[in-house]
Amino acid sequence: MNLEQLRKDIFPSELILKLYRDIPNAQYEEKIKLVNDYIDEVQDIYDEDVLKIKKHNQIAFCYWMAEQYPLAIQHFEMVVENMEPEDYPHLYFLALNLLIRGNRILSNYEIAEKWAELAWENHHLAHAISNLHILNDYTDVITETKTILDKKYYPLIRSIIDEYGFPEELEDPVKTIRSMNQRHKLWSIKYGEIVMTFRKSDHEKYIRELEQFIDSCEIEWYRNYAEKTVERLKKQVAHD
C-alpha cells in the first residue's frame, strides 16, 4: 500500500465543505454520491487499495452524521479490515473508536468489546489522546453492561496521565478516565478559541492570552505547548 497516499488528505476542501456544511446530514445519499463521483475522478491518480479505504471512511462519516449507525459501522469495519494500525494510526484508531461507540449505541455490547480488545492489542501504536477517547467510549460500554474495567487497562491509563501531565490520580479507573476526557476537551477548546481569536490580530495580545492560559491550564502538555508558542511569538516581536 502507498502509505504516503493513504496519509494524505485526498478530498478537496470544497468537497468537504459540501459534505459537512452545505448539505444537510439527512441527505446522506446525496453526500455519498458526491464521494463516489470524486473517487471515480481520481481512480487513475491514487492506488486502488488507498481509494478503497478513503472511500469507505468518508461514506462511514456521512452515515454517522445522519445517525445511520448500522450503515456507518459497516463502512468503518471495512476501513479497519483493509489496513494495518501502523499504516495510518490516526485513521485506524478513529474508526475503532467509532466502532466501539456505534455498537454501544445499538446495544451490541459483545461486538463493542471485540473492537475495544483490538484497540487494546495495538494501543502502543496510538496517540495518547486517541487511547483516552477509546477508553472513554469503552467505559460507556462497561457502565451499561454493569461490568468492571479489566486491570490490564490500568498501565495504559497511568501512561496517559504521565505523558500528558494530567492532575488525576489513578484511583477509581472509570472516574479517572471520564475526568481526564472532560478536562482534555475543556482545555483543548480553550486553546483553540485563543488561536482562532488572536492568531491574526496583534501578537502582544495573543501572547497575553496565552500566558493567562499557561497560568490556569491544568494539563502539563498544553502548558508546555503554549509556552513554546509564546517563545516563538516573542522572538517574532523582537525581530519585527
Protein backbone atom coordinates (compact mmCIF):
# COMPACT_ATOMS: atom_id res chain seq x y z
CA MET A 1 0.00 0.00 0.00
CA ASN A 2 1.18 3.51 -0.78
CA LEU A 3 1.34 4.94 2.74
CA GLU A 4 2.16 8.43 1.53
CA GLN A 5 -1.12 8.47 -0.39
CA LEU A 6 -3.03 6.92 2.50
CA ARG A 7 -1.83 9.58 4.93
CA LYS A 8 -2.64 12.38 2.51
CA ASP A 9 -5.93 14.33 2.51
CA ILE A 10 -7.13 13.41 -0.95
CA PHE A 11 -10.56 15.06 -0.74
CA PRO A 12 -10.51 18.76 -1.75
CA SER A 13 -11.68 21.30 0.84
CA GLU A 14 -14.58 22.36 -1.39
CA LEU A 15 -15.96 18.83 -1.33
CA ILE A 16 -15.52 18.51 2.43
CA LEU A 17 -17.41 21.78 2.93
CA LYS A 18 -20.25 20.49 0.78
CA LEU A 19 -20.41 17.23 2.70
CA TYR A 20 -20.33 18.65 6.21
CA ARG A 21 -21.53 22.24 5.92
CA ASP A 22 -23.70 22.75 2.87
CA ILE A 23 -25.69 19.52 2.55
CA PRO A 24 -27.97 18.56 5.48
CA ASN A 25 -26.96 15.37 7.28
CA ALA A 26 -30.30 13.76 6.45
CA GLN A 27 -29.43 13.95 2.75
CA TYR A 28 -26.70 11.35 3.16
CA GLU A 29 -27.45 9.68 -0.18
CA GLU A 30 -26.55 12.92 -1.99
CA LYS A 31 -23.34 13.13 0.02
CA ILE A 32 -22.37 9.55 -0.77
CA LYS A 33 -22.95 10.14 -4.48
CA LEU A 34 -20.51 13.06 -4.32
CA VAL A 35 -17.93 10.86 -2.58
CA ASN A 36 -18.30 8.08 -5.15
CA ASP A 37 -18.16 10.54 -8.05
CA TYR A 38 -14.94 12.05 -6.76
CA ILE A 39 -13.37 8.63 -6.20
CA ASP A 40 -14.20 7.79 -9.84
CA GLU A 41 -12.50 11.01 -10.96
CA VAL A 42 -9.20 10.22 -9.20
CA GLN A 43 -9.03 6.45 -9.68
CA ASP A 44 -6.12 6.83 -12.10
CA ILE A 45 -4.18 9.03 -9.67
CA TYR A 46 -4.29 7.00 -6.46
CA ASP A 47 -3.76 3.33 -5.71
CA GLU A 48 -6.87 1.18 -5.62
CA ASP A 49 -6.37 -0.01 -2.03
CA VAL A 50 -5.88 3.56 -0.83
CA LEU A 51 -9.05 4.74 -2.56
CA LYS A 52 -10.99 1.84 -1.07
CA ILE A 53 -10.08 2.87 2.46
CA LYS A 54 -10.60 6.59 1.80
CA LYS A 55 -13.99 5.98 0.22
CA HIS A 56 -15.32 3.73 2.97
CA ASN A 57 -14.08 6.10 5.65
CA GLN A 58 -15.77 9.13 4.09
CA ILE A 59 -19.02 7.23 3.46
CA ALA A 60 -18.95 5.97 7.04
CA PHE A 61 -18.83 9.56 8.30
CA CYS A 62 -21.71 10.57 6.05
CA TYR A 63 -23.82 7.81 7.58
CA TRP A 64 -22.53 8.61 11.07
CA MET A 65 -23.53 12.27 10.85
CA ALA A 66 -27.01 11.16 9.75
CA GLU A 67 -27.15 8.79 12.76
CA GLN A 68 -27.42 5.82 10.42
CA TYR A 69 -25.22 3.81 12.76
CA PRO A 70 -25.63 0.29 11.30
CA LEU A 71 -24.57 1.56 7.88
CA ALA A 72 -21.73 3.65 9.32
CA ILE A 73 -20.47 0.60 11.20
CA GLN A 74 -20.35 -1.48 8.01
CA HIS A 75 -18.06 1.04 6.38
CA PHE A 76 -15.86 1.69 9.42
CA GLU A 77 -15.36 -2.08 9.60
CA MET A 78 -14.09 -2.03 6.03
CA VAL A 79 -11.61 0.72 6.95
CA VAL A 80 -10.18 -1.30 9.85
CA GLU A 81 -10.17 -4.60 7.99
CA ASN A 82 -8.34 -3.23 4.95
CA MET A 83 -5.36 -1.67 6.72
CA GLU A 84 -2.83 -2.30 9.45
CA PRO A 85 -2.84 0.00 12.50
CA GLU A 86 0.68 1.21 11.74
CA ASP A 87 -0.33 2.23 8.20
CA TYR A 88 -2.11 5.34 9.42
CA PRO A 89 -2.77 5.20 13.19
CA HIS A 90 -4.94 8.31 13.32
CA LEU A 91 -7.40 6.94 10.75
CA TYR A 92 -7.30 3.40 12.12
CA PHE A 93 -7.94 4.26 15.76
CA LEU A 94 -10.62 6.84 15.00
CA ALA A 95 -12.50 4.15 13.07
CA LEU A 96 -12.07 1.76 16.00
CA ASN A 97 -13.29 4.43 18.40
CA LEU A 98 -16.49 4.94 16.41
CA LEU A 99 -16.99 1.19 16.02
CA ILE A 100 -16.97 0.90 19.80
CA ARG A 101 -19.29 3.88 20.21
CA GLY A 102 -21.65 2.89 17.39
CA ASN A 103 -22.08 -0.66 18.63
CA ARG A 104 -22.62 0.60 22.15
CA ILE A 105 -25.36 2.95 20.88
CA LEU A 106 -27.01 -0.06 19.22
CA SER A 107 -26.52 -2.16 22.39
CA ASN A 108 -24.23 -4.55 20.50
CA TYR A 109 -22.04 -4.83 23.57
CA GLU A 110 -20.15 -8.01 22.64
CA ILE A 111 -19.14 -6.51 19.30
CA ALA A 112 -18.11 -3.27 21.01
CA GLU A 113 -15.96 -5.37 23.36
CA LYS A 114 -14.34 -7.05 20.34
CA TRP A 115 -13.28 -3.72 18.86
CA ALA A 116 -12.08 -2.48 22.25
CA GLU A 117 -9.92 -5.57 22.55
CA LEU A 118 -8.39 -4.88 19.14
CA ALA A 119 -7.65 -1.30 20.19
CA TRP A 120 -6.02 -2.60 23.37
CA GLU A 121 -3.82 -5.04 21.45
CA ASN A 122 -2.46 -2.18 19.34
CA HIS A 123 -2.62 0.69 21.82
CA HIS A 124 1.15 1.21 21.67
CA LEU A 125 0.71 2.48 18.10
CA ALA A 126 -1.91 5.08 19.01
CA HIS A 127 -1.53 8.63 20.23
CA ALA A 128 -2.20 9.03 23.96
CA ILE A 129 -5.34 11.08 23.35
CA SER A 130 -6.66 8.52 20.86
CA ASN A 131 -6.27 5.93 23.60
CA LEU A 132 -8.06 8.24 26.04
CA HIS A 133 -11.01 8.69 23.68
CA ILE A 134 -11.25 4.94 23.12
CA LEU A 135 -11.08 4.25 26.85
CA ASN A 136 -13.77 6.86 27.46
CA ASP A 137 -16.15 5.22 24.99
CA TYR A 138 -15.30 1.81 26.40
CA THR A 139 -16.26 2.99 29.89
CA ASP A 140 -19.74 3.67 28.48
CA VAL A 141 -19.87 0.01 27.40
CA ILE A 142 -18.87 -1.39 30.78
CA THR A 143 -21.14 1.07 32.60
CA GLU A 144 -24.17 -0.04 30.59
CA THR A 145 -23.28 -3.72 30.95
CA LYS A 146 -22.51 -3.27 34.66
CA THR A 147 -19.09 -4.87 34.32
CA ILE A 148 -15.72 -3.91 35.78
CA LEU A 149 -12.80 -2.43 33.86
CA ASP A 150 -10.11 -5.08 33.46
CA LYS A 151 -6.92 -4.25 35.38
CA LYS A 152 -4.90 -4.76 32.19
CA TYR A 153 -6.03 -1.24 31.20
CA TYR A 154 -4.55 0.38 34.33
CA PRO A 155 -1.00 0.80 32.95
CA LEU A 156 -2.44 2.46 29.84
CA ILE A 157 -4.40 4.92 31.98
CA ARG A 158 -1.26 5.60 34.02
CA SER A 159 0.78 6.21 30.85
CA ILE A 160 -1.75 8.78 29.58
CA ILE A 161 -1.62 10.61 32.93
CA ASP A 162 2.18 10.66 32.83
CA GLU A 163 2.59 11.56 29.16
CA TYR A 164 0.17 14.48 29.20
CA GLY A 165 0.67 15.58 32.79
CA PHE A 166 -2.94 15.25 33.89
CA PRO A 167 -3.59 16.10 37.56
CA GLU A 168 -5.77 12.99 38.00
CA GLU A 169 -4.71 10.10 40.22
CA LEU A 170 -5.46 6.51 39.26
CA GLU A 171 -7.96 5.65 41.97
CA ASP A 172 -11.37 4.79 40.56
CA PRO A 173 -10.29 3.99 36.95
CA VAL A 174 -13.63 4.78 35.29
CA LYS A 175 -13.93 8.13 37.08
CA THR A 176 -10.30 8.86 36.23
CA ILE A 177 -10.88 8.20 32.52
CA ARG A 178 -14.03 10.33 32.42
CA SER A 179 -12.37 13.16 34.34
CA MET A 180 -9.34 13.20 32.03
CA ASN A 181 -11.53 13.13 28.93
CA GLN A 182 -13.63 16.07 30.15
CA ARG A 183 -10.55 18.02 31.23
CA HIS A 184 -8.79 17.46 27.91
CA LYS A 185 -11.90 18.54 25.99
CA LEU A 186 -12.19 21.70 28.10
CA TRP A 187 -8.59 22.86 27.65
CA SER A 188 -8.44 21.80 24.02
CA ILE A 189 -11.45 24.02 23.29
CA LYS A 190 -10.00 26.92 25.30
CA TYR A 191 -6.69 26.74 23.46
CA GLY A 192 -8.44 26.51 20.11
CA GLU A 193 -10.55 29.58 20.90
CA ILE A 194 -7.43 31.61 21.71
CA VAL A 195 -5.73 30.55 18.49
CA MET A 196 -8.79 31.30 16.35
CA THR A 197 -9.42 34.66 18.02
CA PHE A 198 -5.95 36.13 18.31
CA ARG A 199 -3.69 34.46 15.75
CA LYS A 200 -4.46 37.06 13.09
CA SER A 201 -4.55 40.04 15.46
CA ASP A 202 -1.64 41.72 17.23
CA HIS A 203 1.00 39.41 18.69
CA GLU A 204 1.21 41.15 22.06
CA LYS A 205 -2.44 40.49 22.85
CA TYR A 206 -2.05 36.90 21.62
CA ILE A 207 0.93 36.45 23.96
CA ARG A 208 -1.01 37.84 26.96
CA GLU A 209 -3.90 35.46 26.32
CA LEU A 210 -1.54 32.51 26.03
CA GLU A 211 0.27 33.47 29.24
CA GLN A 212 -3.07 33.59 31.07
CA PHE A 213 -3.84 30.16 29.60
CA ILE A 214 -0.50 28.82 30.87
CA ASP A 215 -1.19 30.16 34.37
CA SER A 216 -4.58 28.46 34.60
CA CYS A 217 -4.28 25.29 32.49
CA GLU A 218 -4.33 22.03 34.47
CA ILE A 219 -2.70 19.86 31.80
CA GLU A 220 1.09 20.00 31.54
CA TRP A 221 1.21 19.10 27.83
CA TYR A 222 -0.95 22.11 26.90
CA ARG A 223 1.05 24.43 29.16
CA ASN A 224 4.29 23.31 27.50
CA TYR A 225 2.79 23.68 24.02
CA ALA A 226 1.54 27.19 24.81
CA GLU A 227 4.93 28.15 26.31
CA LYS A 228 6.70 27.15 23.09
CA THR A 229 4.23 29.25 21.10
CA VAL A 230 4.85 32.24 23.37
CA GLU A 231 8.62 31.87 22.97
CA ARG A 232 8.26 31.79 19.20
CA LEU A 233 5.97 34.84 19.16
CA LYS A 234 8.27 36.85 21.42
CA LYS A 235 11.15 36.19 19.05
CA GLN A 236 8.97 37.36 16.15
CA VAL A 237 8.00 40.55 18.02
CA ALA A 238 11.65 41.25 18.90
CA HIS A 239 12.70 40.67 15.30
CA ASP A 240 9.97 42.97 13.93
